Amino acid sequence: MTPRMPDTYSDWDATALTAAFRSKVLSVGEALEEHLARLDEFSDLNAIVARQDPKVLIKEAALAQASYRHGSASVLEGVPMTVKDIIAVAGLPLSAGSKLLKSHRASCDAAVVSQMRQGGALVMGKSNCPEFGFGIGCSNDLFGTTSNPLDKNLSPGGSSGGEAANVAAGISLVGIGTDYGGSLRWPAQCTGILAIRPTPGRLSGNGQLIGEGADGLDGNATFPGNSLQGETQVPGFLARSVSDLEKALFEAQRLVRKPAMIGYKPGTSSEIELEAVSIGWSEGENIGIVGEDVATMMGELANSLASDRLGLVHAPDAFAGAREAFDDLRSYEDLSDLRELARSREHELTPAMRNIVQNPPRSREPFAQAKSLARRKR
């Protein structure tokens, strides 16, 4: 049966697109052409800061089309993606929105990018973010400000704001971003799309700026293991549907050769034994104010999930003290690689970043106590 396609292309998600490829309603090349046109159409959003060579994309699209023809296509084969500009894509700029790196290019793909490209995804380009991903908006002195497709007078959030804008505008259908303190989830809700923050360790975090290894710039870099950022910042995905998020996470996990997470097992939601699932939910205001309509919706959703098969726990105070513990632990980060990169060039940083690197790092003497408190809260 031929799948019914949405009425307008802008309503498509990756699930609908790959169904069209399989049923021969649409070719990968035709879809690529449409997305390249949308990239031009929405250039005023300033969401894309570096474009992939169209010749490279055309070649990759032909390979993806051959996979469909031979019946060997992966779940996201031929799907247009974009990547946040703190994640390495071989041959493309890797600037992290900073003048310090305005001429820098990645020598290889970050692990998660390599995984998705192995699965046939087409990387259209790199997306804007605040300098080094530090910020809840999407602006920097190198590329300027990204607008929200829902209202160009508003921000798409951050720090994966360029990715959220790309997906919301249909420039790409799946975005690869990062999340340290909400950098996937916050821009997703700002632009009316969805995001998933994978559990730390489920996907490799190699290739994110700025970390250890060849000055943290080679595409293989990892964050220092004893840092909060190294433990908790993860790559993840933005998309238009839960189905797309599931496919992206499944594909990225499927290709991991040596998963870091204990008990790792790639699979889909259809394979989950619901009797083993316990659901906790909270509409508490321990981290931020929750709107009355959101709290009501969360309660209705929780009640709809309640059954004899599922354990359901209402924990309104689940996050009490969590924000304070996070902020305290984060204040001990010494950011040594960033400080070294910026040495004698601090004037090129945005004022917010300049303030961070010029303030001396805190003594790490109380670090163990702060880390223990954070673990208890978690």
Protein backbone atom coordinates (compact mmCIF):
# COMPACT_ATOMS: atom_id res chain seq x y z
CA MET A 1 0.00 0.00 0.00
CA THR A 2 1.31 3.43 -0.96
CA PRO A 3 1.65 5.61 2.17
CA ARG A 4 -0.35 8.80 2.27
CA MET A 5 1.99 11.77 2.17
CA PRO A 6 1.29 15.03 4.05
CA ASP A 7 -0.43 17.73 1.98
CA THR A 8 2.60 20.05 1.99
CA TYR A 9 6.26 19.16 2.00
CA SER A 10 6.89 21.32 5.04
CA ASP A 11 4.74 18.95 7.11
CA TRP A 12 6.85 15.88 6.33
CA ASP A 13 8.98 14.14 8.91
CA ALA A 14 11.78 11.64 8.26
CA THR A 15 9.41 8.70 8.77
CA ALA A 16 7.12 9.94 5.97
CA LEU A 17 10.10 10.74 3.75
CA THR A 18 11.69 7.29 4.00
CA ALA A 19 8.28 5.69 3.41
CA ALA A 20 8.05 7.72 0.20
CA PHE A 21 11.50 6.52 -0.83
CA ARG A 22 10.59 2.88 -0.23
CA SER A 23 7.30 3.15 -2.12
CA LYS A 24 9.00 5.06 -4.97
CA VAL A 25 6.68 8.06 -4.52
CA LEU A 26 9.81 10.22 -4.28
CA SER A 27 13.51 9.77 -5.02
CA VAL A 28 16.31 10.73 -2.67
CA GLY A 29 17.63 13.15 -5.28
CA GLU A 30 14.27 14.90 -5.56
CA ALA A 31 14.06 15.27 -1.79
CA LEU A 32 17.60 16.64 -1.64
CA GLU A 33 16.76 19.21 -4.29
CA GLU A 34 13.73 20.33 -2.26
CA HIS A 35 15.76 20.67 0.92
CA LEU A 36 18.50 22.65 -0.83
CA ALA A 37 15.77 25.00 -2.06
CA ARG A 38 14.38 25.33 1.49
CA LEU A 39 17.86 26.15 2.72
CA ASP A 40 17.89 29.11 0.33
CA GLU A 41 14.28 30.02 1.10
CA PHE A 42 14.96 30.31 4.84
CA SER A 43 18.46 31.79 4.63
CA ASP A 44 17.18 34.86 6.50
CA LEU A 45 16.84 32.71 9.64
CA ASN A 46 20.64 32.60 9.77
CA ALA A 47 20.44 29.03 11.07
CA ILE A 48 23.04 27.53 8.71
CA VAL A 49 26.61 28.81 9.07
CA ALA A 50 28.37 26.37 6.70
CA ARG A 51 26.96 24.37 3.78
CA GLN A 52 28.07 21.00 2.50
CA ASP A 53 29.28 20.97 -1.12
CA PRO A 54 26.21 20.14 -3.28
CA LYS A 55 28.36 17.79 -5.37
CA VAL A 56 29.10 15.73 -2.25
CA LEU A 57 25.42 15.63 -1.36
CA ILE A 58 24.37 14.59 -4.89
CA LYS A 59 26.87 11.72 -4.79
CA GLU A 60 25.67 10.60 -1.35
CA ALA A 61 22.03 10.84 -2.46
CA ALA A 62 22.79 8.54 -5.40
CA LEU A 63 24.31 5.97 -3.03
CA ALA A 64 21.26 6.20 -0.77
CA GLN A 65 18.94 5.72 -3.75
CA ALA A 66 20.89 2.60 -4.71
CA SER A 67 20.37 1.24 -1.20
CA TYR A 68 16.60 1.64 -1.59
CA ARG A 69 16.76 0.01 -4.99
CA HIS A 70 18.61 -2.98 -3.54
CA GLY A 71 16.40 -3.21 -0.46
CA SER A 72 19.28 -2.53 1.95
CA ALA A 73 18.41 1.00 3.11
CA SER A 74 18.85 1.95 6.76
CA VAL A 75 16.04 3.58 8.74
CA LEU A 76 17.26 7.13 7.94
CA GLU A 77 18.84 6.48 4.56
CA GLY A 78 18.78 9.65 2.44
CA VAL A 79 17.31 11.84 5.20
CA PRO A 80 18.66 15.45 5.29
CA MET A 81 20.36 16.33 8.57
CA THR A 82 22.21 19.31 10.00
CA VAL A 83 24.84 19.39 12.75
CA LYS A 84 25.50 21.91 15.52
CA ASP A 85 28.72 23.86 15.05
CA ILE A 86 30.44 22.44 18.12
CA ILE A 87 30.36 18.93 16.60
CA ALA A 88 32.95 17.88 14.01
CA VAL A 89 31.99 17.12 10.40
CA ALA A 90 34.98 16.22 8.24
CA GLY A 91 35.97 19.00 5.85
CA LEU A 92 33.45 21.53 7.19
CA PRO A 93 34.17 24.48 9.49
CA LEU A 94 34.26 23.75 13.21
CA SER A 95 34.17 27.18 14.78
CA ALA A 96 31.79 26.86 17.75
CA GLY A 97 30.59 30.35 16.84
CA SER A 98 33.90 31.84 17.98
CA LYS A 99 36.27 34.23 16.22
CA LEU A 100 39.07 32.21 17.80
CA LEU A 101 38.24 29.38 15.37
CA LYS A 102 36.88 31.26 12.38
CA SER A 103 39.28 29.51 9.96
CA HIS A 104 39.27 26.07 11.60
CA ARG A 105 37.99 22.94 9.81
CA ALA A 106 37.43 19.49 11.25
CA SER A 107 39.76 16.75 10.10
CA CYS A 108 37.26 13.95 10.69
CA ASP A 109 33.66 13.27 11.71
CA ALA A 110 32.62 13.20 15.35
CA ALA A 111 31.54 9.72 16.37
CA VAL A 112 27.79 10.40 16.27
CA VAL A 113 28.08 12.11 12.86
CA SER A 114 30.07 9.17 11.51
CA GLN A 115 27.41 6.79 12.78
CA MET A 116 24.57 8.65 11.09
CA ARG A 117 26.48 9.04 7.82
CA GLN A 118 27.26 5.34 7.82
CA GLY A 119 23.49 4.89 8.02
CA GLY A 120 23.05 6.97 4.85
CA ALA A 121 21.95 10.32 6.31
CA LEU A 122 22.85 13.42 4.28
CA VAL A 123 24.59 16.17 6.27
CA MET A 124 23.44 19.46 4.71
CA GLY A 125 25.67 21.70 6.81
CA LYS A 126 26.52 23.18 10.20
CA SER A 127 24.14 25.21 12.37
CA ASN A 128 24.58 28.30 14.51
CA CYS A 129 24.98 28.30 18.30
CA PRO A 130 26.19 30.68 21.02
CA GLU A 131 29.96 30.84 21.39
CA PHE A 132 31.25 27.40 22.47
CA GLY A 133 27.65 26.41 23.24
CA PHE A 134 27.52 28.59 26.38
CA GLY A 135 24.14 30.29 26.39
CA ILE A 136 20.38 29.86 26.26
CA GLY A 137 19.98 31.94 23.10
CA CYS A 138 21.50 31.59 19.63
CA SER A 139 23.82 34.50 18.87
CA ASN A 140 27.56 35.05 18.55
CA ASP A 141 29.98 37.68 17.23
CA LEU A 142 31.13 35.48 14.33
CA PHE A 143 27.84 34.65 12.62
CA GLY A 144 25.25 36.84 14.33
CA THR A 145 21.79 35.91 15.55
CA THR A 146 19.50 33.06 14.51
CA SER A 147 15.75 33.73 14.35
CA ASN A 148 12.86 31.49 15.34
CA PRO A 149 10.84 30.20 12.33
CA LEU A 150 7.63 30.62 14.35
CA ASP A 151 8.32 34.33 14.84
CA LYS A 152 11.46 35.95 13.50
CA ASN A 153 11.40 38.46 16.35
CA LEU A 154 11.93 35.63 18.83
CA SER A 155 14.92 33.45 19.67
CA PRO A 156 14.91 29.71 18.90
CA GLY A 157 16.59 29.14 22.24
CA GLY A 158 19.96 27.52 22.78
CA SER A 159 22.43 26.35 22.73
CA SER A 160 21.25 24.03 19.91
CA GLY A 161 19.14 26.90 18.57
CA GLY A 162 20.35 26.70 14.98
CA GLU A 163 19.45 23.02 14.88
CA ALA A 164 15.98 23.69 16.28
CA ALA A 165 15.40 26.44 13.70
CA ASN A 166 16.54 24.17 10.86
CA VAL A 167 14.22 21.34 11.85
CA ALA A 168 11.28 23.62 12.58
CA ALA A 169 11.67 25.26 9.15
CA GLY A 170 12.06 21.93 7.33
CA ILE A 171 15.60 22.69 6.18
CA SER A 172 16.62 19.42 7.78
CA LEU A 173 14.42 16.70 9.24
CA VAL A 174 16.75 15.52 11.99
CA GLY A 175 19.25 17.71 13.80
CA ILE A 176 22.30 16.61 15.77
CA GLY A 177 22.94 18.84 18.78
CA THR A 178 24.30 18.57 22.29
CA ASP A 179 22.84 18.89 25.77
CA TYR A 180 24.66 19.90 28.95
CA GLY A 181 22.03 21.77 30.92
CA GLY A 182 19.05 21.73 28.54
CA SER A 183 20.65 22.64 25.21
CA LEU A 184 18.49 20.20 23.22
CA ARG A 185 15.27 20.36 25.20
CA TRP A 186 15.04 24.13 25.64
CA PRO A 187 15.31 25.08 21.92
CA ALA A 188 12.95 22.23 20.99
CA GLN A 189 10.18 23.71 23.13
CA CYS A 190 10.99 27.21 21.86
CA THR A 191 10.36 26.14 18.26
CA GLY A 192 7.54 23.61 18.71
CA ILE A 193 9.53 20.48 17.84
CA LEU A 194 10.87 17.52 19.84
CA ALA A 195 14.23 16.50 21.25
CA ILE A 196 15.78 13.64 23.16
CA ARG A 197 18.72 13.79 25.53
CA PRO A 198 20.25 10.28 25.57
CA THR A 199 21.52 8.86 28.84
CA PRO A 200 25.21 9.76 29.25
CA GLY A 201 27.31 6.92 27.84
CA ARG A 202 24.70 5.61 25.46
CA LEU A 203 26.28 7.48 22.52
CA SER A 204 29.92 8.41 22.09
CA GLY A 205 30.60 12.06 22.87
CA ASN A 206 33.86 12.20 20.91
CA GLY A 207 34.29 15.14 18.56
CA GLN A 208 32.69 17.94 20.59
CA LEU A 209 34.43 21.26 21.13
CA ILE A 210 36.28 21.96 23.27
CA GLY A 211 37.89 18.98 24.93
CA GLU A 212 41.16 17.16 25.38
CA GLY A 213 43.05 15.59 22.47
CA ALA A 214 45.04 17.52 19.84
CA ASP A 215 44.10 20.72 21.67
CA GLY A 216 40.48 19.59 21.51
CA LEU A 217 40.09 20.47 17.84
CA ASP A 218 40.70 17.30 15.83
CA GLY A 219 37.23 15.74 15.71
CA ASN A 220 38.27 12.95 18.05
CA ALA A 221 38.43 15.13 21.14
CA THR A 222 36.80 14.09 24.38
CA PHE A 223 36.01 16.22 27.38
CA PRO A 224 38.13 15.66 30.49
CA GLY A 225 36.64 12.66 32.28
CA ASN A 226 36.80 14.29 35.71
CA SER A 227 34.72 17.29 34.64
CA LEU A 228 30.98 17.80 34.96
CA GLN A 229 30.81 18.58 31.25
CA GLY A 230 32.68 15.37 30.44
CA GLU A 231 30.26 13.34 32.53
CA THR A 232 26.98 14.95 31.51
CA GLN A 233 27.20 16.69 28.10
CA VAL A 234 25.80 14.36 25.45
CA PRO A 235 25.07 14.45 21.73
CA GLY A 236 21.41 14.01 20.89
CA PHE A 237 18.70 14.67 18.35
CA LEU A 238 15.98 17.13 17.40
CA ALA A 239 13.13 16.14 15.10
CA ARG A 240 9.44 16.67 14.28
CA SER A 241 8.10 13.37 15.60
CA VAL A 242 8.73 10.81 18.31
CA SER A 243 9.11 8.23 15.55
CA ASP A 244 11.99 10.22 14.03
CA LEU A 245 13.73 10.57 17.39
CA GLU A 246 13.40 6.83 17.95
CA LYS A 247 14.87 6.06 14.54
CA ALA A 248 17.80 8.44 15.05
CA LEU A 249 18.65 7.06 18.48
CA PHE A 250 18.26 3.47 17.28
CA GLU A 251 20.50 4.07 14.27
CA ALA A 252 23.19 5.82 16.33
CA GLN A 253 23.19 3.00 18.90
CA ARG A 254 23.09 0.24 16.31
CA LEU A 255 26.39 1.39 14.87
CA VAL A 256 28.23 1.77 18.19
CA ARG A 257 30.95 -0.87 18.30
CA LYS A 258 31.97 -0.48 21.91
CA PRO A 259 29.14 1.14 23.84
CA ALA A 260 30.20 2.76 27.08
CA MET A 261 26.89 2.18 28.80
CA ILE A 262 26.46 -0.91 30.94
CA GLY A 263 23.48 -2.97 29.86
CA TYR A 264 23.47 -1.41 26.40
CA LYS A 265 21.04 -3.03 24.01
CA PRO A 266 19.88 -1.35 20.82
CA GLY A 267 16.20 -1.74 20.15
CA THR A 268 12.91 0.00 19.56
CA SER A 269 10.00 0.89 21.81
CA SER A 270 8.02 -2.07 20.44
CA GLU A 271 10.52 -4.38 22.15
CA ILE A 272 10.12 -2.88 25.63
CA GLU A 273 8.42 -5.02 28.26
CA LEU A 274 6.01 -2.54 29.83
CA GLU A 275 5.76 -4.56 33.05
CA ALA A 276 9.40 -3.65 33.73
CA VAL A 277 8.85 0.09 33.24
CA SER A 278 8.34 2.52 36.08
CA ILE A 279 7.33 6.09 35.23
CA GLY A 280 8.05 9.04 37.47
CA TRP A 281 6.56 12.43 36.71
CA SER A 282 6.77 15.91 38.16
CA GLU A 283 5.17 19.28 37.56
CA GLY A 284 7.06 20.82 40.48
CA GLU A 285 8.65 24.25 40.20
CA ASN A 286 12.02 23.38 41.73
CA ILE A 287 13.91 24.28 38.53
CA GLY A 288 11.59 26.83 36.93
CA ILE A 289 8.02 28.06 36.84
CA VAL A 290 5.61 25.58 35.25
CA GLY A 291 2.60 27.04 33.47
CA GLU A 292 -0.81 25.96 34.75
CA ASP A 293 -1.77 24.56 31.34
CA VAL A 294 1.44 22.51 31.20
CA ALA A 295 0.92 21.16 34.73
CA THR A 296 -2.65 20.17 33.86
CA MET A 297 -1.52 18.45 30.67
CA MET A 298 1.19 16.53 32.55
CA GLY A 299 -1.35 15.31 35.09
CA GLU A 300 -3.74 14.17 32.37
CA LEU A 301 -0.93 12.38 30.54
CA ALA A 302 0.21 10.64 33.73
CA ASN A 303 -3.32 9.47 34.48
CA SER A 304 -3.72 8.15 30.95
CA LEU A 305 -0.56 6.06 31.40
CA ALA A 306 -1.62 4.59 34.72
CA SER A 307 -2.45 0.90 34.53
CA ASP A 308 -1.79 -2.40 36.23
CA ARG A 309 1.18 -2.88 33.91
CA LEU A 310 3.01 0.33 34.71
CA GLY A 311 4.46 1.67 37.92
CA LEU A 312 3.52 5.36 38.16
CA VAL A 313 5.05 7.71 40.75
CA HIS A 314 4.10 11.37 41.22
CA ALA A 315 7.14 13.22 42.58
CA PRO A 316 6.47 16.98 42.60
CA ASP A 317 9.67 17.64 44.58
CA ALA A 318 11.86 15.33 42.50
CA PHE A 319 14.15 18.21 41.46
CA ALA A 320 14.42 19.98 44.80
CA GLY A 321 17.99 21.19 45.15
CA ALA A 322 19.04 19.80 41.78
CA ARG A 323 19.60 23.16 40.07
CA GLU A 324 21.64 24.45 42.99
CA ALA A 325 23.76 21.28 43.03
CA PHE A 326 24.33 21.50 39.27
CA ASP A 327 25.33 25.18 39.38
CA ASP A 328 27.67 24.57 42.31
CA LEU A 329 29.40 21.63 40.64
CA ARG A 330 29.63 23.46 37.31
CA SER A 331 31.44 26.36 38.96
CA TYR A 332 34.46 24.11 39.55
CA GLU A 333 35.08 23.54 35.82
CA ASP A 334 38.53 24.90 35.01
CA LEU A 335 37.99 25.00 31.20
CA SER A 336 41.75 24.66 30.78
CA ASP A 337 41.62 23.94 27.03
CA LEU A 338 39.41 26.95 26.38
CA ARG A 339 41.57 29.18 28.54
CA GLU A 340 44.66 28.04 26.65
CA LEU A 341 43.02 28.59 23.27
CA ALA A 342 41.99 32.11 24.26
CA ARG A 343 45.34 33.09 25.79
CA SER A 344 46.33 36.59 24.57
CA ARG A 345 43.25 36.61 22.31
CA GLU A 346 40.59 37.19 24.97
CA HIS A 347 39.54 40.38 23.17
CA GLU A 348 38.10 38.19 20.36
CA LEU A 349 35.62 36.51 22.69
CA THR A 350 32.10 37.71 23.37
CA PRO A 351 31.86 39.62 26.66
CA ALA A 352 30.15 36.68 28.39
CA MET A 353 32.87 34.20 27.34
CA ARG A 354 35.61 36.72 28.14
CA ASN A 355 34.25 36.99 31.67
CA ILE A 356 34.29 33.19 32.04
CA VAL A 357 37.89 32.65 30.93
CA GLN A 358 39.31 35.69 32.73
CA ASN A 359 37.84 34.75 36.09
CA PRO A 360 40.19 32.35 37.87
CA PRO A 361 38.79 28.83 38.39
CA ARG A 362 37.64 27.93 41.87
CA SER A 363 39.80 25.86 44.16
CA ARG A 364 38.89 22.21 43.69
CA GLU A 365 39.34 21.42 47.36
CA PRO A 366 35.55 21.26 48.05
CA PHE A 367 34.91 19.59 44.64
CA ALA A 368 34.45 16.06 46.02
CA GLN A 369 31.80 17.23 48.47
CA ALA A 370 29.91 19.10 45.74
CA LYS A 371 30.09 16.06 43.47
CA SER A 372 28.76 13.79 46.20
CA LEU A 373 25.82 16.12 46.80
CA ALA A 374 25.02 16.21 43.08
CA ARG A 375 25.07 12.41 42.89
CA ARG A 376 22.67 12.15 45.82
CA LYS A 377 20.30 14.57 44.09
CA ARG A 378 20.50 12.58 40.87
